[in-house]
PDB file of N, CA and C in Angstrom:
ATOM      1  N   MET A   1      -0.145   4.659  13.287  1.00  0.00           N
ATOM      2  CA  MET A   1      -0.650   5.409  14.434  1.00  0.00           C
ATOM      3  C   MET A   1      -1.780   6.310  13.980  1.00  0.00           C
ATOM      4  N   GLY A   2      -2.869   6.341  14.698  1.00  0.00           N
ATOM      5  CA  GLY A   2      -4.039   7.135  14.340  1.00  0.00           C
ATOM      6  C   GLY A   2      -3.958   8.558  14.851  1.00  0.00           C
ATOM      7  N   LYS A   3      -4.977   8.983  15.528  1.00  0.00           N
ATOM      8  CA  LYS A   3      -5.106  10.361  16.005  1.00  0.00           C
ATOM      9  C   LYS A   3      -4.826  10.443  17.506  1.00  0.00           C
ATOM     10  N   ILE A   4      -4.561  11.654  17.954  1.00  0.00           N
ATOM     11  CA  ILE A   4      -4.464  11.929  19.385  1.00  0.00           C
ATOM     12  C   ILE A   4      -5.739  12.677  19.743  1.00  0.00           C
ATOM     13  N   ALA A   5      -6.606  12.052  20.524  1.00  0.00           N
ATOM     14  CA  ALA A   5      -7.876  12.684  20.897  1.00  0.00           C
ATOM     15  C   ALA A   5      -7.657  13.577  22.114  1.00  0.00           C
ATOM     16  N   ARG A   6      -8.109  14.828  21.990  1.00  0.00           N
ATOM     17  CA  ARG A   6      -7.999  15.787  23.090  1.00  0.00           C
ATOM     18  C   ARG A   6      -9.371  16.364  23.374  1.00  0.00           C
ATOM     19  N   PHE A   7      -9.643  16.585  24.657  1.00  0.00           N
ATOM     20  CA  PHE A   7     -10.882  17.253  25.030  1.00  0.00           C
ATOM     21  C   PHE A   7     -10.717  18.751  24.819  1.00  0.00           C
ATOM     22  N   TYR A   8     -11.712  19.369  24.197  1.00  0.00           N
ATOM     23  CA  TYR A   8     -11.746  20.833  24.125  1.00  0.00           C
ATOM     24  C   TYR A   8     -11.990  21.349  25.533  1.00  0.00           C
ATOM     25  N   LYS A   9     -11.218  22.357  25.927  1.00  0.00           N
ATOM     26  CA  LYS A   9     -11.391  22.977  27.240  1.00  0.00           C
ATOM     27  C   LYS A   9     -11.647  24.462  27.023  1.00  0.00           C
ATOM     28  N   ALA A  10     -12.792  24.935  27.493  1.00  0.00           N
ATOM     29  CA  ALA A  10     -13.165  26.345  27.336  1.00  0.00           C
ATOM     30  C   ALA A  10     -12.272  27.216  28.227  1.00  0.00           C
ATOM     31  N   GLU A  11     -12.297  28.507  27.955  1.00  0.00           N
ATOM     32  CA  GLU A  11     -11.481  29.434  28.754  1.00  0.00           C
ATOM     33  C   GLU A  11     -11.874  29.407  30.225  1.00  0.00           C
ATOM     34  N   ASP A  12     -13.137  29.079  30.505  1.00  0.00           N
ATOM     35  CA  ASP A  12     -13.587  29.026  31.906  1.00  0.00           C
ATOM     36  C   ASP A  12     -13.233  27.688  32.577  1.00  0.00           C
ATOM     37  N   GLY A  13     -12.532  26.829  31.834  1.00  0.00           N
ATOM     38  CA  GLY A  13     -12.087  25.551  32.394  1.00  0.00           C
ATOM     39  C   GLY A  13     -13.042  24.392  32.179  1.00  0.00           C
ATOM     40  N   LYS A  14     -14.231  24.670  31.634  1.00  0.00           N
ATOM     41  CA  LYS A  14     -15.210  23.600  31.405  1.00  0.00           C
ATOM     42  C   LYS A  14     -14.763  22.718  30.235  1.00  0.00           C
ATOM     43  N   THR A  15     -15.043  21.430  30.369  1.00  0.00           N
ATOM     44  CA  THR A  15     -14.692  20.451  29.341  1.00  0.00           C
ATOM     45  C   THR A  15     -15.977  19.715  28.965  1.00  0.00           C
ATOM     46  N   PRO A  16     -16.708  20.224  27.941  1.00  0.00           N
ATOM     47  CA  PRO A  16     -18.038  19.667  27.615  1.00  0.00           C
ATOM     48  C   PRO A  16     -18.077  18.157  27.370  1.00  0.00           C
ATOM     49  N   VAL A  17     -17.099  17.595  26.663  1.00  0.00           N
ATOM     50  CA  VAL A  17     -17.158  16.160  26.368  1.00  0.00           C
ATOM     51  C   VAL A  17     -16.917  15.342  27.639  1.00  0.00           C
ATOM     52  N   LYS A  18     -16.013  15.779  28.484  1.00  0.00           N
ATOM     53  CA  LYS A  18     -15.778  15.070  29.743  1.00  0.00           C
ATOM     54  C   LYS A  18     -17.050  15.092  30.588  1.00  0.00           C
ATOM     55  N   GLU A  19     -17.717  16.252  30.640  1.00  0.00           N
ATOM     56  CA  GLU A  19     -18.974  16.359  31.398  1.00  0.00           C
ATOM     57  C   GLU A  19     -20.038  15.433  30.803  1.00  0.00           C
ATOM     58  N   PHE A  20     -20.088  15.363  29.463  1.00  0.00           N
ATOM     59  CA  PHE A  20     -21.042  14.482  28.782  1.00  0.00           C
ATOM     60  C   PHE A  20     -20.754  13.022  29.142  1.00  0.00           C
ATOM     61  N   LEU A  21     -19.486  12.610  29.034  1.00  0.00           N
ATOM     62  CA  LEU A  21     -19.119  11.227  29.357  1.00  0.00           C
ATOM     63  C   LEU A  21     -19.436  10.898  30.814  1.00  0.00           C
ATOM     64  N   ASP A  22     -19.174  11.843  31.713  1.00  0.00           N
ATOM     65  CA  ASP A  22     -19.459  11.628  33.137  1.00  0.00           C
ATOM     66  C   ASP A  22     -20.954  11.472  33.402  1.00  0.00           C
ATOM     67  N   SER A  23     -21.796  12.023  32.520  1.00  0.00           N
ATOM     68  CA  SER A  23     -23.251  11.957  32.713  1.00  0.00           C
ATOM     69  C   SER A  23     -23.848  10.645  32.200  1.00  0.00           C
ATOM     70  N   LEU A  24     -23.072   9.869  31.449  1.00  0.00           N
ATOM     71  CA  LEU A  24     -23.593   8.639  30.840  1.00  0.00           C
ATOM     72  C   LEU A  24     -23.508   7.453  31.804  1.00  0.00           C
ATOM     73  N   PRO A  25     -24.438   6.481  31.649  1.00  0.00           N
ATOM     74  CA  PRO A  25     -24.323   5.250  32.435  1.00  0.00           C
ATOM     75  C   PRO A  25     -22.992   4.559  32.103  1.00  0.00           C
ATOM     76  N   GLY A  26     -22.442   3.802  33.042  1.00  0.00           N
ATOM     77  CA  GLY A  26     -21.134   3.165  32.893  1.00  0.00           C
ATOM     78  C   GLY A  26     -20.879   2.444  31.588  1.00  0.00           C
ATOM     79  N   LYS A  27     -21.784   1.525  31.215  1.00  0.00           N
ATOM     80  CA  LYS A  27     -21.563   0.728  30.002  1.00  0.00           C
ATOM     81  C   LYS A  27     -21.602   1.587  28.739  1.00  0.00           C
ATOM     82  N   VAL A  28     -22.441   2.610  28.724  1.00  0.00           N
ATOM     83  CA  VAL A  28     -22.516   3.517  27.568  1.00  0.00           C
ATOM     84  C   VAL A  28     -21.215   4.308  27.474  1.00  0.00           C
ATOM     85  N   ALA A  29     -20.754   4.834  28.596  1.00  0.00           N
ATOM     86  CA  ALA A  29     -19.499   5.598  28.605  1.00  0.00           C
ATOM     87  C   ALA A  29     -18.344   4.722  28.134  1.00  0.00           C
ATOM     88  N   GLN A  30     -18.346   3.446  28.516  1.00  0.00           N
ATOM     89  CA  GLN A  30     -17.294   2.521  28.074  1.00  0.00           C
ATOM     90  C   GLN A  30     -17.312   2.355  26.561  1.00  0.00           C
ATOM     91  N   LYS A  31     -18.501   2.198  25.986  1.00  0.00           N
ATOM     92  CA  LYS A  31     -18.578   1.998  24.541  1.00  0.00           C
ATOM     93  C   LYS A  31     -18.170   3.264  23.795  1.00  0.00           C
ATOM     94  N   VAL A  32     -18.616   4.430  24.260  1.00  0.00           N
ATOM     95  CA  VAL A  32     -18.224   5.689  23.626  1.00  0.00           C
ATOM     96  C   VAL A  32     -16.701   5.838  23.703  1.00  0.00           C
ATOM     97  N   SER A  33     -16.122   5.524  24.853  1.00  0.00           N
ATOM     98  CA  SER A  33     -14.664   5.605  25.020  1.00  0.00           C
ATOM     99  C   SER A  33     -13.953   4.633  24.087  1.00  0.00           C
ATOM    100  N   TRP A  34     -14.527   3.458  23.883  1.00  0.00           N
ATOM    101  CA  TRP A  34     -13.950   2.471  22.966  1.00  0.00           C
ATOM    102  C   TRP A  34     -13.920   3.020  21.539  1.00  0.00           C
ATOM    103  N   VAL A  35     -15.002   3.671  21.114  1.00  0.00           N
ATOM    104  CA  VAL A  35     -15.043   4.256  19.774  1.00  0.00           C
ATOM    105  C   VAL A  35     -13.965   5.351  19.648  1.00  0.00           C
ATOM    106  N   LEU A  36     -13.818   6.156  20.687  1.00  0.00           N
ATOM    107  CA  LEU A  36     -12.782   7.195  20.662  1.00  0.00           C
ATOM    108  C   LEU A  36     -11.380   6.574  20.619  1.00  0.00           C
ATOM    109  N   MET A  37     -11.220   5.435  21.274  1.00  0.00           N
ATOM    110  CA  MET A  37      -9.936   4.736  21.242  1.00  0.00           C
ATOM    111  C   MET A  37      -9.611   4.273  19.814  1.00  0.00           C
ATOM    112  N   LEU A  38     -10.635   3.871  19.063  1.00  0.00           N
ATOM    113  CA  LEU A  38     -10.420   3.483  17.669  1.00  0.00           C
ATOM    114  C   LEU A  38      -9.769   4.631  16.890  1.00  0.00           C
ATOM    115  N   ALA A  39     -10.229   5.844  17.146  1.00  0.00           N
ATOM    116  CA  ALA A  39      -9.690   7.015  16.456  1.00  0.00           C
ATOM    117  C   ALA A  39      -8.204   7.169  16.740  1.00  0.00           C
ATOM    118  N   GLU A  40      -7.810   6.825  17.950  1.00  0.00           N
ATOM    119  CA  GLU A  40      -6.407   6.960  18.319  1.00  0.00           C
ATOM    120  C   GLU A  40      -5.552   5.841  17.737  1.00  0.00           C
ATOM    121  N   GLU A  41      -6.155   4.683  17.471  1.00  0.00           N
ATOM    122  CA  GLU A  41      -5.371   3.535  17.042  1.00  0.00           C
ATOM    123  C   GLU A  41      -5.357   3.314  15.533  1.00  0.00           C
ATOM    124  N   LEU A  42      -6.379   3.791  14.821  1.00  0.00           N
ATOM    125  CA  LEU A  42      -6.485   3.505  13.392  1.00  0.00           C
ATOM    126  C   LEU A  42      -6.072   4.703  12.542  1.00  0.00           C
ATOM    127  N   ASP A  43      -5.401   4.419  11.431  1.00  0.00           N
ATOM    128  CA  ASP A  43      -5.025   5.491  10.502  1.00  0.00           C
ATOM    129  C   ASP A  43      -6.229   5.981   9.715  1.00  0.00           C
ATOM    130  N   VAL A  44      -7.103   5.042   9.342  1.00  0.00           N
ATOM    131  CA  VAL A  44      -8.307   5.392   8.584  1.00  0.00           C
ATOM    132  C   VAL A  44      -9.500   5.152   9.501  1.00  0.00           C
ATOM    133  N   LEU A  45     -10.304   6.204   9.678  1.00  0.00           N
ATOM    134  CA  LEU A  45     -11.448   6.094  10.580  1.00  0.00           C
ATOM    135  C   LEU A  45     -12.626   5.450   9.860  1.00  0.00           C
ATOM    136  N   PRO A  46     -13.190   4.360  10.417  1.00  0.00           N
ATOM    137  CA  PRO A  46     -14.317   3.691   9.764  1.00  0.00           C
ATOM    138  C   PRO A  46     -15.565   4.582   9.739  1.00  0.00           C
ATOM    139  N   ALA A  47     -16.238   4.631   8.595  1.00  0.00           N
ATOM    140  CA  ALA A  47     -17.429   5.472   8.412  1.00  0.00           C
ATOM    141  C   ALA A  47     -18.555   5.080   9.367  1.00  0.00           C
ATOM    142  N   THR A  48     -18.545   3.843   9.852  1.00  0.00           N
ATOM    143  CA  THR A  48     -19.553   3.404  10.816  1.00  0.00           C
ATOM    144  C   THR A  48     -19.499   4.284  12.064  1.00  0.00           C
ATOM    145  N   TYR A  49     -18.302   4.708  12.427  1.00  0.00           N
ATOM    146  CA  TYR A  49     -18.096   5.441  13.674  1.00  0.00           C
ATOM    147  C   TYR A  49     -17.766   6.917  13.504  1.00  0.00           C
ATOM    148  N   PHE A  50     -17.262   7.287  12.335  1.00  0.00           N
ATOM    149  CA  PHE A  50     -16.862   8.676  12.111  1.00  0.00           C
ATOM    150  C   PHE A  50     -17.380   9.173  10.776  1.00  0.00           C
ATOM    151  N   LYS A  51     -18.033  10.338  10.807  1.00  0.00           N
ATOM    152  CA  LYS A  51     -18.623  10.877   9.581  1.00  0.00           C
ATOM    153  C   LYS A  51     -18.453  12.395   9.579  1.00  0.00           C
ATOM    154  N   LYS A  52     -18.001  12.927   8.454  1.00  0.00           N
ATOM    155  CA  LYS A  52     -17.881  14.378   8.313  1.00  0.00           C
ATOM    156  C   LYS A  52     -19.283  14.933   8.106  1.00  0.00           C
ATOM    157  N   LEU A  53     -19.617  15.991   8.831  1.00  0.00           N
ATOM    158  CA  LEU A  53     -20.949  16.576   8.718  1.00  0.00           C
ATOM    159  C   LEU A  53     -20.993  17.552   7.545  1.00  0.00           C
ATOM    160  N   VAL A  54     -21.806  17.236   6.575  1.00  0.00           N
ATOM    161  CA  VAL A  54     -21.955  18.048   5.371  1.00  0.00           C
ATOM    162  C   VAL A  54     -22.491  19.424   5.756  1.00  0.00           C
ATOM    163  N   GLY A  55     -21.917  20.458   5.161  1.00  0.00           N
ATOM    164  CA  GLY A  55     -22.386  21.812   5.411  1.00  0.00           C
ATOM    165  C   GLY A  55     -21.834  22.429   6.686  1.00  0.00           C
ATOM    166  N   SER A  56     -20.918  21.730   7.349  1.00  0.00           N
ATOM    167  CA  SER A  56     -20.321  22.267   8.574  1.00  0.00           C
ATOM    168  C   SER A  56     -18.912  22.771   8.263  1.00  0.00           C
ATOM    169  N   ASP A  57     -18.309  23.435   9.230  1.00  0.00           N
ATOM    170  CA  ASP A  57     -16.946  23.920   9.090  1.00  0.00           C
ATOM    171  C   ASP A  57     -15.982  22.799   9.473  1.00  0.00           C
ATOM    172  N   ASP A  58     -15.985  21.738   8.658  1.00  0.00           N
ATOM    173  CA  ASP A  58     -15.101  20.585   8.851  1.00  0.00           C
ATOM    174  C   ASP A  58     -15.276  19.941  10.230  1.00  0.00           C
ATOM    175  N   ILE A  59     -16.532  19.806  10.648  1.00  0.00           N
ATOM    176  CA  ILE A  59     -16.864  19.143  11.914  1.00  0.00           C
ATOM    177  C   ILE A  59     -17.178  17.670  11.615  1.00  0.00           C
ATOM    178  N   TRP A  60     -16.655  16.803  12.450  1.00  0.00           N
ATOM    179  CA  TRP A  60     -16.883  15.371  12.325  1.00  0.00           C
ATOM    180  C   TRP A  60     -17.757  14.890  13.474  1.00  0.00           C
ATOM    181  N   GLU A  61     -18.461  13.798  13.209  1.00  0.00           N
ATOM    182  CA  GLU A  61     -19.350  13.196  14.198  1.00  0.00           C
ATOM    183  C   GLU A  61     -18.785  11.826  14.555  1.00  0.00           C
ATOM    184  N   CYS A  62     -18.511  11.626  15.830  1.00  0.00           N
ATOM    185  CA  CYS A  62     -18.103  10.322  16.343  1.00  0.00           C
ATOM    186  C   CYS A  62     -19.389   9.644  16.794  1.00  0.00           C
ATOM    187  N   ARG A  63     -19.700   8.496  16.188  1.00  0.00           N
ATOM    188  CA  ARG A  63     -21.015   7.878  16.349  1.00  0.00           C
ATOM    189  C   ARG A  63     -20.941   6.590  17.162  1.00  0.00           C
ATOM    190  N   THR A  64     -21.796   6.510  18.180  1.00  0.00           N
ATOM    191  CA  THR A  64     -21.873   5.304  19.006  1.00  0.00           C
ATOM    192  C   THR A  64     -23.338   4.952  19.205  1.00  0.00           C
ATOM    193  N   GLN A  65     -23.642   3.666  19.037  1.00  0.00           N
ATOM    194  CA  GLN A  65     -25.002   3.205  19.309  1.00  0.00           C
ATOM    195  C   GLN A  65     -24.932   2.241  20.478  1.00  0.00           C
ATOM    196  N   PHE A  66     -25.868   2.391  21.399  1.00  0.00           N
ATOM    197  CA  PHE A  66     -25.953   1.487  22.539  1.00  0.00           C
ATOM    198  C   PHE A  66     -27.425   1.224  22.770  1.00  0.00           C
ATOM    199  N   GLY A  67     -27.828  -0.021  22.567  1.00  0.00           N
ATOM    200  CA  GLY A  67     -29.255  -0.347  22.642  1.00  0.00           C
ATOM    201  C   GLY A  67     -29.969   0.423  21.547  1.00  0.00           C
ATOM    202  N   SER A  68     -31.052   1.093  21.899  1.00  0.00           N
ATOM    203  CA  SER A  68     -31.799   1.847  20.888  1.00  0.00           C
ATOM    204  C   SER A  68     -31.379   3.319  20.863  1.00  0.00           C
ATOM    205  N   ASN A  69     -30.400   3.691  21.673  1.00  0.00           N
ATOM    206  CA  ASN A  69     -29.961   5.088  21.728  1.00  0.00           C
ATOM    207  C   ASN A  69     -28.705   5.325  20.890  1.00  0.00           C
ATOM    208  N   GLU A  70     -28.634   6.534  20.352  1.00  0.00           N
ATOM    209  CA  GLU A  70     -27.461   6.938  19.587  1.00  0.00           C
ATOM    210  C   GLU A  70     -26.791   8.103  20.295  1.00  0.00           C
ATOM    211  N   TYR A  71     -25.481   7.975  20.474  1.00  0.00           N
ATOM    212  CA  TYR A  71     -24.692   8.990  21.166  1.00  0.00           C
ATOM    213  C   TYR A  71     -23.716   9.590  20.168  1.00  0.00           C
ATOM    214  N   ARG A  72     -23.534  10.894  20.261  1.00  0.00           N
ATOM    215  CA  ARG A  72     -22.654  11.580  19.327  1.00  0.00           C
ATOM    216  C   ARG A  72     -21.681  12.483  20.071  1.00  0.00           C
ATOM    217  N   ILE A  73     -20.459  12.491  19.592  1.00  0.00           N
ATOM    218  CA  ILE A  73     -19.469  13.463  20.045  1.00  0.00           C
ATOM    219  C   ILE A  73     -18.975  14.158  18.785  1.00  0.00           C
ATOM    220  N   LEU A  74     -19.050  15.479  18.792  1.00  0.00           N
ATOM    221  CA  LEU A  74     -18.578  16.247  17.643  1.00  0.00           C
ATOM    222  C   LEU A  74     -17.120  16.624  17.873  1.00  0.00           C
ATOM    223  N   CYS A  75     -16.368  16.704  16.774  1.00  0.00           N
ATOM    224  CA  CYS A  75     -14.942  16.954  16.882  1.00  0.00           C
ATOM    225  C   CYS A  75     -14.414  17.570  15.586  1.00  0.00           C
ATOM    226  N   PHE A  76     -13.159  17.990  15.620  1.00  0.00           N
ATOM    227  CA  PHE A  76     -12.506  18.528  14.423  1.00  0.00           C
ATOM    228  C   PHE A  76     -11.027  18.173  14.481  1.00  0.00           C
ATOM    229  N   HIS A  77     -10.383  18.219  13.315  1.00  0.00           N
ATOM    230  CA  HIS A  77      -8.945  17.971  13.209  1.00  0.00           C
ATOM    231  C   HIS A  77      -8.229  19.294  13.422  1.00  0.00           C
ATOM    232  N   ALA A  78      -7.243  19.294  14.305  1.00  0.00           N
ATOM    233  CA  ALA A  78      -6.511  20.525  14.610  1.00  0.00           C
ATOM    234  C   ALA A  78      -5.051  20.368  14.200  1.00  0.00           C
ATOM    235  N   GLY A  79      -4.834  20.158  12.926  1.00  0.00           N
ATOM    236  CA  GLY A  79      -3.467  20.034  12.431  1.00  0.00           C
ATOM    237  C   GLY A  79      -2.838  18.720  12.853  1.00  0.00           C
ATOM    238  N   GLY A  80      -1.994  18.196  11.990  1.00  0.00           N
ATOM    239  CA  GLY A  80      -1.318  16.941  12.295  1.00  0.00           C
ATOM    240  C   GLY A  80      -2.296  15.842  12.623  1.00  0.00           C
ATOM    241  N   SER A  81      -2.040  15.164  13.724  1.00  0.00           N
ATOM    242  CA  SER A  81      -2.871  14.019  14.087  1.00  0.00           C
ATOM    243  C   SER A  81      -3.765  14.304  15.298  1.00  0.00           C
ATOM    244  N   VAL A  82      -4.008  15.579  15.598  1.00  0.00           N
ATOM    245  CA  VAL A  82      -4.810  15.929  16.764  1.00  0.00           C
ATOM    246  C   VAL A  82      -6.297  16.008  16.400  1.00  0.00           C
ATOM    247  N   LEU A  83      -7.116  15.312  17.165  1.00  0.00           N
ATOM    248  CA  LEU A  83      -8.564  15.326  17.013  1.00  0.00           C
ATOM    249  C   LEU A  83      -9.133  15.956  18.286  1.00  0.00           C
ATOM    250  N   VAL A  84      -9.775  17.116  18.147  1.00  0.00           N
ATOM    251  CA  VAL A  84     -10.295  17.824  19.323  1.00  0.00           C
ATOM    252  C   VAL A  84     -11.787  17.530  19.477  1.00  0.00           C
ATOM    253  N   LEU A  85     -12.158  16.986  20.641  1.00  0.00           N
ATOM    254  CA  LEU A  85     -13.537  16.604  20.938  1.00  0.00           C
ATOM    255  C   LEU A  85     -14.229  17.793  21.583  1.00  0.00           C
ATOM    256  N   THR A  86     -15.297  18.293  20.938  1.00  0.00           N
ATOM    257  CA  THR A  86     -15.892  19.545  21.387  1.00  0.00           C
ATOM    258  C   THR A  86     -17.120  19.380  22.273  1.00  0.00           C
ATOM    259  N   ASN A  87     -18.098  18.585  21.869  1.00  0.00           N
ATOM    260  CA  ASN A  87     -19.340  18.449  22.625  1.00  0.00           C
ATOM    261  C   ASN A  87     -20.005  17.115  22.310  1.00  0.00           C
ATOM    262  N   GLY A  88     -20.829  16.664  23.239  1.00  0.00           N
ATOM    263  CA  GLY A  88     -21.515  15.390  23.065  1.00  0.00           C
ATOM    264  C   GLY A  88     -22.995  15.532  23.384  1.00  0.00           C
ATOM    265  N   PHE A  89     -23.791  14.624  22.817  1.00  0.00           N
ATOM    266  CA  PHE A  89     -25.233  14.654  23.052  1.00  0.00           C
ATOM    267  C   PHE A  89     -25.841  13.315  22.672  1.00  0.00           C
ATOM    268  N   VAL A  90     -27.050  13.084  23.152  1.00  0.00           N
ATOM    269  CA  VAL A  90     -27.825  11.908  22.751  1.00  0.00           C
ATOM    270  C   VAL A  90     -28.627  12.339  21.537  1.00  0.00           C
ATOM    271  N   LYS A  91     -28.490  11.596  20.445  1.00  0.00           N
ATOM    272  CA  LYS A  91     -29.176  11.965  19.200  1.00  0.00           C
ATOM    273  C   LYS A  91     -30.588  11.409  19.228  1.00  0.00           C
ATOM    274  N   LYS A  92     -31.569  12.296  19.071  1.00  0.00           N
ATOM    275  CA  LYS A  92     -32.975  11.890  19.150  1.00  0.00           C
ATOM    276  C   LYS A  92     -33.719  12.059  17.830  1.00  0.00           C
ATOM    277  N   THR A  93     -33.058  12.664  16.834  1.00  0.00           N
ATOM    278  CA  THR A  93     -33.698  12.892  15.532  1.00  0.00           C
ATOM    279  C   THR A  93     -32.785  12.387  14.420  1.00  0.00           C
ATOM    280  N   GLN A  94     -33.317  12.324  13.188  1.00  0.00           N
ATOM    281  CA  GLN A  94     -32.524  11.879  12.042  1.00  0.00           C
ATOM    282  C   GLN A  94     -31.322  12.785  11.811  1.00  0.00           C
ATOM    283  N   LYS A  95     -31.588  14.099  11.831  1.00  0.00           N
ATOM    284  CA  LYS A  95     -30.534  15.065  11.547  1.00  0.00           C
ATOM    285  C   LYS A  95     -29.823  15.467  12.836  1.00  0.00           C
ATOM    286  N   THR A  96     -28.527  15.738  12.687  1.00  0.00           N
ATOM    287  CA  THR A  96     -27.779  16.267  13.827  1.00  0.00           C
ATOM    288  C   THR A  96     -28.290  17.680  14.094  1.00  0.00           C
ATOM    289  N   PRO A  97     -28.684  17.983  15.335  1.00  0.00           N
ATOM    290  CA  PRO A  97     -29.231  19.313  15.631  1.00  0.00           C
ATOM    291  C   PRO A  97     -28.259  20.439  15.264  1.00  0.00           C
ATOM    292  N   ALA A  98     -28.787  21.463  14.591  1.00  0.00           N
ATOM    293  CA  ALA A  98     -27.971  22.601  14.153  1.00  0.00           C
ATOM    294  C   ALA A  98     -27.280  23.268  15.332  1.00  0.00           C
ATOM    295  N   LYS A  99     -27.960  23.335  16.489  1.00  0.00           N
ATOM    296  CA  LYS A  99     -27.353  24.018  17.640  1.00  0.00           C
ATOM    297  C   LYS A  99     -26.114  23.267  18.131  1.00  0.00           C
ATOM    298  N   GLU A 100     -26.096  21.942  17.981  1.00  0.00           N
ATOM    299  CA  GLU A 100     -24.917  21.159  18.390  1.00  0.00           C
ATOM    300  C   GLU A 100     -23.756  21.409  17.421  1.00  0.00           C
ATOM    301  N   ILE A 101     -24.068  21.489  16.122  1.00  0.00           N
ATOM    302  CA  ILE A 101     -23.024  21.779  15.124  1.00  0.00           C
ATOM    303  C   ILE A 101     -22.473  23.181  15.347  1.00  0.00           C
ATOM    304  N   GLU A 102     -23.378  24.149  15.584  1.00  0.00           N
ATOM    305  CA  GLU A 102     -22.945  25.532  15.837  1.00  0.00           C
ATOM    306  C   GLU A 102     -22.072  25.599  17.080  1.00  0.00           C
ATOM    307  N   ARG A 103     -22.426  24.831  18.090  1.00  0.00           N
ATOM    308  CA  ARG A 103     -21.620  24.800  19.318  1.00  0.00           C
ATOM    309  C   ARG A 103     -20.218  24.253  19.025  1.00  0.00           C
ATOM    310  N   ALA A 104     -20.146  23.183  18.229  1.00  0.00           N
ATOM    311  CA  ALA A 104     -18.847  22.597  17.865  1.00  0.00           C
ATOM    312  C   ALA A 104     -18.014  23.585  17.055  1.00  0.00           C
ATOM    313  N   GLU A 105     -18.655  24.299  16.130  1.00  0.00           N
ATOM    314  CA  GLU A 105     -17.940  25.282  15.317  1.00  0.00           C
ATOM    315  C   GLU A 105     -17.412  26.432  16.176  1.00  0.00           C
ATOM    316  N   ALA A 106     -18.198  26.857  17.165  1.00  0.00           N
ATOM    317  CA  ALA A 106     -17.760  27.924  18.080  1.00  0.00           C
ATOM    318  C   ALA A 106     -16.564  27.440  18.905  1.00  0.00           C
ATOM    319  N   CYS A 107     -16.611  26.197  19.369  1.00  0.00           N
ATOM    320  CA  CYS A 107     -15.486  25.621  20.114  1.00  0.00           C
ATOM    321  C   CYS A 107     -14.241  25.567  19.234  1.00  0.00           C
ATOM    322  N   LYS A 108     -14.432  25.181  17.969  1.00  0.00           N
ATOM    323  CA  LYS A 108     -13.307  25.104  17.041  1.00  0.00           C
ATOM    324  C   LYS A 108     -12.662  26.479  16.855  1.00  0.00           C
ATOM    325  N   ARG A 109     -13.485  27.502  16.610  1.00  0.00           N
ATOM    326  CA  ARG A 109     -12.939  28.863  16.427  1.00  0.00           C
ATOM    327  C   ARG A 109     -12.182  29.303  17.672  1.00  0.00           C
ATOM    328  N   ASP A 110     -12.767  29.051  18.843  1.00  0.00           N
ATOM    329  CA  ASP A 110     -12.128  29.436  20.103  1.00  0.00           C
ATOM    330  C   ASP A 110     -10.806  28.688  20.280  1.00  0.00           C
ATOM    331  N   TYR A 111     -10.815  27.388  20.055  1.00  0.00           N
ATOM    332  CA  TYR A 111      -9.617  26.559  20.222  1.00  0.00           C
ATOM    333  C   TYR A 111      -8.504  27.044  19.296  1.00  0.00           C
ATOM    334  N   LEU A 112      -8.828  27.226  18.023  1.00  0.00           N
ATOM    335  CA  LEU A 112      -7.811  27.639  17.056  1.00  0.00           C
ATOM    336  C   LEU A 112      -7.279  29.040  17.380  1.00  0.00           C
ATOM    337  N   ARG A 113      -8.151  29.932  17.810  1.00  0.00           N
ATOM    338  CA  ARG A 113      -7.724  31.297  18.175  1.00  0.00           C
ATOM    339  C   ARG A 113      -6.746  31.250  19.356  1.00  0.00           C
ATOM    340  N   ARG A 114      -7.104  30.466  20.383  1.00  0.00           N
ATOM    341  CA  ARG A 114      -6.258  30.424  21.582  1.00  0.00           C
ATOM    342  C   ARG A 114      -4.972  29.651  21.361  1.00  0.00           C
ATOM    343  N   HIS A 115      -5.015  28.598  20.523  1.00  0.00           N
ATOM    344  CA  HIS A 115      -3.813  27.780  20.335  1.00  0.00           C
ATOM    345  C   HIS A 115      -2.863  28.362  19.297  1.00  0.00           C
ATOM    346  N   LYS A 116      -3.360  29.212  18.439  1.00  0.00           N
ATOM    347  CA  LYS A 116      -2.496  29.872  17.464  1.00  0.00           C
ATOM    348  C   LYS A 116      -1.489  30.772  18.197  1.00  0.00           C
ATOM    349  N   ARG A 117      -1.959  31.386  19.279  1.00  0.00           N
ATOM    350  CA  ARG A 117      -1.083  32.272  20.067  1.00  0.00           C
ATOM    351  C   ARG A 117       0.048  31.513  20.739  1.00  0.00           C
ATOM    352  N   HIS A 118      -0.155  30.224  21.002  1.00  0.00           N
ATOM    353  CA  HIS A 118       0.830  29.459  21.763  1.00  0.00           C
ATOM    354  C   HIS A 118       1.796  28.667  20.898  1.00  0.00           C
ATOM    355  N   GLU A 119       1.701  28.820  19.579  1.00  0.00           N
ATOM    356  CA  GLU A 119       2.590  28.038  18.703  1.00  0.00           C
ATOM    357  C   GLU A 119       3.951  28.662  18.624  1.00  0.00           C
TER     358      GLU A 119
END
């Protein structure tokens, strides 16, 4: 059994990855969802689709290519087998934009702070 993928939900109720997926054309959203399904089904995540971002606070990049476009969803491991999906974007440059990594790290801090209280 692989991971349990969960959408990060901000305190205001917004769910950035769900909003990102809803903004994508149907076939692209299907492929991104398929890649996320791999995370749930496989014990070892293939590097083609999942890569740890160097220099980040343990943020991972879920990678999907569709046509000439590259789509990314950033995520982190939240203990056990939980994979929390923080934010998504269309990648237009070689490097993952720093603001997207910073956003994922902020989501991670918020998630861990709020969920620590509920354990």
